[in-house]
Amino acid sequence: MVVGIARFELYMSGNRSLKDKRRLIKSLVERARSKFPSISMTEVDSLDLKDKATIGLGYVSNDASLVNSVLDKVISYIESTGNFRMGEKEMEILHF
């Protein structure tokens, strides 16, 4: 079993409130899950900051190259939306 995990920061401007931020993040997570149905993704930190979100992403497979590819594609997809500026990214592949 191969588990891929990623954590990345997203910065956004123009949010007037946490409600605006949560609406944007919820929409992003729903679109990503729709495009990549096997992933697990949620906001994991920076919950009380209106201009920053920290997202956790997970994917499990029996093929390390597939795990790496899926994580890369999800992150590229998020960057391509243009609604966010990507900050720090961390990614790890674990073999069990």
N, C-alpha and C. Protein backbone atom coordinates (compact mmCIF):
# COMPACT_ATOMS: atom_id res chain seq x y z
N MET A 1 0.85 -1.17 0.00
CA MET A 1 0.00 0.00 0.00
C MET A 1 0.90 1.24 0.00
N VAL A 2 0.52 2.20 -0.81
CA VAL A 2 1.26 3.46 -0.92
C VAL A 2 0.29 4.60 -0.59
N VAL A 3 0.72 5.46 0.33
CA VAL A 3 -0.10 6.59 0.74
C VAL A 3 0.63 7.88 0.38
N GLY A 4 -0.07 8.75 -0.31
CA GLY A 4 0.48 10.06 -0.63
C GLY A 4 -0.24 11.12 0.17
N ILE A 5 0.53 11.97 0.82
CA ILE A 5 -0.07 13.08 1.56
C ILE A 5 0.60 14.38 1.13
N ALA A 6 -0.19 15.42 1.12
CA ALA A 6 0.33 16.74 0.77
C ALA A 6 -0.33 17.77 1.66
N ARG A 7 0.41 18.82 1.91
CA ARG A 7 -0.11 19.96 2.65
C ARG A 7 0.39 21.19 1.92
N PHE A 8 -0.51 22.12 1.64
CA PHE A 8 -0.10 23.32 0.94
C PHE A 8 -0.91 24.52 1.41
N GLU A 9 -0.29 25.68 1.25
CA GLU A 9 -0.93 26.92 1.65
C GLU A 9 -1.47 27.64 0.43
N LEU A 10 -2.65 28.20 0.58
CA LEU A 10 -3.26 29.00 -0.47
C LEU A 10 -3.50 30.40 0.08
N TYR A 11 -3.11 31.38 -0.70
CA TYR A 11 -3.35 32.77 -0.32
C TYR A 11 -4.36 33.37 -1.28
N MET A 12 -5.25 34.15 -0.75
CA MET A 12 -6.27 34.79 -1.57
C MET A 12 -6.45 36.22 -1.11
N SER A 13 -6.81 37.08 -2.03
CA SER A 13 -7.06 38.48 -1.66
C SER A 13 -8.50 38.82 -2.01
N GLY A 14 -8.98 39.87 -1.41
CA GLY A 14 -10.32 40.32 -1.72
C GLY A 14 -11.41 39.77 -0.83
N ASN A 15 -11.05 38.85 0.06
CA ASN A 15 -12.06 38.33 0.99
C ASN A 15 -12.35 39.38 2.05
N ARG A 16 -13.60 39.66 2.26
CA ARG A 16 -13.98 40.63 3.29
C ARG A 16 -14.24 39.94 4.62
N SER A 17 -14.42 38.64 4.59
CA SER A 17 -14.76 37.93 5.83
C SER A 17 -14.33 36.47 5.74
N LEU A 18 -14.38 35.80 6.88
CA LEU A 18 -14.13 34.36 6.90
C LEU A 18 -15.18 33.61 6.10
N LYS A 19 -16.39 34.15 6.08
CA LYS A 19 -17.46 33.53 5.31
C LYS A 19 -17.11 33.50 3.81
N ASP A 20 -16.53 34.58 3.29
CA ASP A 20 -16.09 34.62 1.89
C ASP A 20 -15.02 33.55 1.64
N LYS A 21 -14.05 33.48 2.56
CA LYS A 21 -12.98 32.49 2.42
C LYS A 21 -13.54 31.07 2.43
N ARG A 22 -14.40 30.79 3.37
CA ARG A 22 -14.95 29.43 3.50
C ARG A 22 -15.75 29.03 2.27
N ARG A 23 -16.45 30.00 1.68
CA ARG A 23 -17.20 29.74 0.45
C ARG A 23 -16.25 29.37 -0.68
N LEU A 24 -15.15 30.12 -0.82
CA LEU A 24 -14.16 29.83 -1.87
C LEU A 24 -13.51 28.46 -1.66
N ILE A 25 -13.11 28.17 -0.42
CA ILE A 25 -12.44 26.90 -0.13
C ILE A 25 -13.40 25.73 -0.33
N LYS A 26 -14.62 25.88 0.12
CA LYS A 26 -15.61 24.80 -0.05
C LYS A 26 -15.82 24.51 -1.54
N SER A 27 -15.93 25.55 -2.34
CA SER A 27 -16.10 25.38 -3.78
C SER A 27 -14.89 24.69 -4.40
N LEU A 28 -13.69 25.11 -3.99
CA LEU A 28 -12.47 24.50 -4.51
C LEU A 28 -12.41 23.02 -4.17
N VAL A 29 -12.67 22.67 -2.92
CA VAL A 29 -12.61 21.28 -2.47
C VAL A 29 -13.65 20.44 -3.23
N GLU A 30 -14.85 20.96 -3.40
CA GLU A 30 -15.89 20.22 -4.12
C GLU A 30 -15.50 19.99 -5.58
N ARG A 31 -14.94 21.02 -6.23
CA ARG A 31 -14.53 20.86 -7.64
C ARG A 31 -13.38 19.86 -7.76
N ALA A 32 -12.42 19.92 -6.83
CA ALA A 32 -11.29 18.98 -6.88
C ALA A 32 -11.77 17.55 -6.64
N ARG A 33 -12.66 17.36 -5.68
CA ARG A 33 -13.19 16.01 -5.42
C ARG A 33 -14.01 15.50 -6.59
N SER A 34 -14.68 16.40 -7.29
CA SER A 34 -15.45 16.00 -8.47
C SER A 34 -14.53 15.55 -9.59
N LYS A 35 -13.43 16.27 -9.77
CA LYS A 35 -12.48 15.95 -10.84
C LYS A 35 -11.61 14.74 -10.48
N PHE A 36 -11.29 14.61 -9.19
CA PHE A 36 -10.45 13.51 -8.70
C PHE A 36 -11.20 12.81 -7.56
N PRO A 37 -12.15 11.94 -7.88
CA PRO A 37 -13.06 11.39 -6.86
C PRO A 37 -12.40 10.52 -5.79
N SER A 38 -11.19 10.03 -6.02
CA SER A 38 -10.56 9.14 -5.05
C SER A 38 -9.72 9.87 -4.01
N ILE A 39 -9.63 11.19 -4.09
CA ILE A 39 -8.81 11.92 -3.14
C ILE A 39 -9.60 12.27 -1.88
N SER A 40 -8.85 12.55 -0.84
CA SER A 40 -9.42 13.12 0.37
C SER A 40 -8.77 14.49 0.53
N MET A 41 -9.58 15.52 0.74
CA MET A 41 -9.05 16.88 0.77
C MET A 41 -9.90 17.74 1.69
N THR A 42 -9.24 18.53 2.54
CA THR A 42 -9.97 19.43 3.44
C THR A 42 -9.04 20.54 3.93
N GLU A 43 -9.62 21.58 4.48
CA GLU A 43 -8.83 22.64 5.11
C GLU A 43 -8.39 22.14 6.48
N VAL A 44 -7.08 22.23 6.77
CA VAL A 44 -6.55 21.65 7.99
C VAL A 44 -5.94 22.66 8.96
N ASP A 45 -5.69 23.88 8.50
CA ASP A 45 -5.07 24.89 9.37
C ASP A 45 -5.40 26.27 8.82
N SER A 46 -5.02 27.29 9.55
CA SER A 46 -5.29 28.69 9.18
C SER A 46 -6.79 28.94 9.10
N LEU A 47 -7.54 28.27 9.92
CA LEU A 47 -9.00 28.33 9.84
C LEU A 47 -9.56 29.71 10.16
N ASP A 48 -8.86 30.47 10.98
CA ASP A 48 -9.38 31.78 11.39
C ASP A 48 -8.73 32.94 10.66
N LEU A 49 -8.02 32.67 9.57
CA LEU A 49 -7.42 33.73 8.76
C LEU A 49 -8.21 33.88 7.48
N LYS A 50 -8.61 35.09 7.15
CA LYS A 50 -9.48 35.28 5.99
C LYS A 50 -8.74 35.30 4.66
N ASP A 51 -7.40 35.42 4.69
CA ASP A 51 -6.66 35.50 3.44
C ASP A 51 -5.71 34.33 3.20
N LYS A 52 -5.79 33.30 4.06
CA LYS A 52 -4.90 32.14 3.93
C LYS A 52 -5.65 30.87 4.31
N ALA A 53 -5.40 29.81 3.55
CA ALA A 53 -5.96 28.49 3.86
C ALA A 53 -4.84 27.46 3.76
N THR A 54 -4.83 26.51 4.66
CA THR A 54 -3.90 25.40 4.59
C THR A 54 -4.73 24.15 4.31
N ILE A 55 -4.40 23.49 3.21
CA ILE A 55 -5.19 22.36 2.72
C ILE A 55 -4.39 21.07 2.88
N GLY A 56 -5.07 20.03 3.34
CA GLY A 56 -4.49 18.70 3.41
C GLY A 56 -5.09 17.83 2.32
N LEU A 57 -4.26 16.99 1.72
CA LEU A 57 -4.67 16.16 0.59
C LEU A 57 -4.11 14.76 0.80
N GLY A 58 -4.92 13.74 0.55
CA GLY A 58 -4.46 12.37 0.69
C GLY A 58 -4.96 11.50 -0.45
N TYR A 59 -4.15 10.49 -0.79
CA TYR A 59 -4.52 9.54 -1.84
C TYR A 59 -3.83 8.22 -1.55
N VAL A 60 -4.53 7.11 -1.72
CA VAL A 60 -4.00 5.77 -1.45
C VAL A 60 -4.11 4.92 -2.70
N SER A 61 -3.05 4.15 -2.98
CA SER A 61 -3.03 3.25 -4.13
C SER A 61 -2.00 2.15 -3.85
N ASN A 62 -1.85 1.25 -4.79
CA ASN A 62 -0.79 0.25 -4.68
C ASN A 62 0.38 0.59 -5.60
N ASP A 63 0.35 1.75 -6.23
CA ASP A 63 1.35 2.16 -7.22
C ASP A 63 1.90 3.54 -6.85
N ALA A 64 3.17 3.60 -6.47
CA ALA A 64 3.78 4.87 -6.04
C ALA A 64 3.77 5.92 -7.14
N SER A 65 4.01 5.51 -8.37
CA SER A 65 4.03 6.50 -9.46
C SER A 65 2.64 7.09 -9.68
N LEU A 66 1.60 6.29 -9.51
CA LEU A 66 0.23 6.79 -9.64
C LEU A 66 -0.07 7.78 -8.52
N VAL A 67 0.33 7.46 -7.30
CA VAL A 67 0.10 8.36 -6.17
C VAL A 67 0.78 9.70 -6.43
N ASN A 68 2.03 9.66 -6.83
CA ASN A 68 2.77 10.89 -7.11
C ASN A 68 2.10 11.69 -8.23
N SER A 69 1.68 11.01 -9.26
CA SER A 69 1.02 11.66 -10.40
C SER A 69 -0.29 12.32 -9.99
N VAL A 70 -1.11 11.62 -9.21
CA VAL A 70 -2.40 12.18 -8.78
C VAL A 70 -2.19 13.42 -7.92
N LEU A 71 -1.28 13.35 -6.95
CA LEU A 71 -1.03 14.51 -6.10
C LEU A 71 -0.56 15.70 -6.93
N ASP A 72 0.36 15.45 -7.87
CA ASP A 72 0.84 16.53 -8.75
C ASP A 72 -0.29 17.13 -9.57
N LYS A 73 -1.16 16.27 -10.11
CA LYS A 73 -2.27 16.76 -10.93
C LYS A 73 -3.26 17.58 -10.12
N VAL A 74 -3.54 17.15 -8.90
CA VAL A 74 -4.47 17.91 -8.06
C VAL A 74 -3.89 19.29 -7.75
N ILE A 75 -2.63 19.34 -7.38
CA ILE A 75 -2.00 20.62 -7.07
C ILE A 75 -1.94 21.51 -8.31
N SER A 76 -1.61 20.94 -9.45
CA SER A 76 -1.61 21.71 -10.70
C SER A 76 -3.00 22.24 -11.03
N TYR A 77 -4.01 21.42 -10.81
CA TYR A 77 -5.39 21.84 -11.06
C TYR A 77 -5.74 23.05 -10.18
N ILE A 78 -5.38 22.98 -8.92
CA ILE A 78 -5.68 24.09 -8.00
C ILE A 78 -4.95 25.35 -8.43
N GLU A 79 -3.69 25.22 -8.82
CA GLU A 79 -2.93 26.38 -9.29
C GLU A 79 -3.55 26.97 -10.54
N SER A 80 -4.12 26.13 -11.39
CA SER A 80 -4.67 26.59 -12.67
C SER A 80 -5.99 27.35 -12.51
N THR A 81 -6.64 27.24 -11.35
CA THR A 81 -7.90 27.95 -11.18
C THR A 81 -7.71 29.46 -11.18
N GLY A 82 -6.54 29.91 -10.78
CA GLY A 82 -6.25 31.34 -10.78
C GLY A 82 -6.87 32.11 -9.63
N ASN A 83 -7.61 31.45 -8.77
CA ASN A 83 -8.24 32.13 -7.64
C ASN A 83 -7.34 32.25 -6.42
N PHE A 84 -6.21 31.54 -6.45
CA PHE A 84 -5.35 31.46 -5.29
C PHE A 84 -3.90 31.62 -5.71
N ARG A 85 -3.09 32.09 -4.76
CA ARG A 85 -1.64 32.07 -4.94
C ARG A 85 -1.12 30.96 -4.05
N MET A 86 -0.38 30.04 -4.66
CA MET A 86 0.13 28.88 -3.93
C MET A 86 1.32 29.31 -3.08
N GLY A 87 1.29 28.91 -1.82
CA GLY A 87 2.40 29.17 -0.91
C GLY A 87 3.24 27.91 -0.74
N GLU A 88 3.64 27.66 0.47
CA GLU A 88 4.48 26.51 0.80
C GLU A 88 3.75 25.21 0.48
N LYS A 89 4.50 24.25 -0.11
CA LYS A 89 3.94 22.92 -0.43
C LYS A 89 4.83 21.85 0.19
N GLU A 90 4.20 20.85 0.74
CA GLU A 90 4.91 19.68 1.25
C GLU A 90 4.20 18.45 0.73
N MET A 91 4.99 17.47 0.30
CA MET A 91 4.40 16.23 -0.21
C MET A 91 5.26 15.06 0.26
N GLU A 92 4.60 13.97 0.64
CA GLU A 92 5.32 12.79 1.10
C GLU A 92 4.60 11.54 0.60
N ILE A 93 5.40 10.56 0.18
CA ILE A 93 4.88 9.27 -0.26
C ILE A 93 5.35 8.23 0.77
N LEU A 94 4.39 7.52 1.36
CA LEU A 94 4.70 6.52 2.38
C LEU A 94 4.37 5.13 1.85
N HIS A 95 5.27 4.18 2.08
CA HIS A 95 5.07 2.79 1.65
C HIS A 95 4.81 1.93 2.89
N PHE A 96 3.73 1.17 2.86
CA PHE A 96 3.39 0.26 3.96
C PHE A 96 3.41 -1.16 3.47
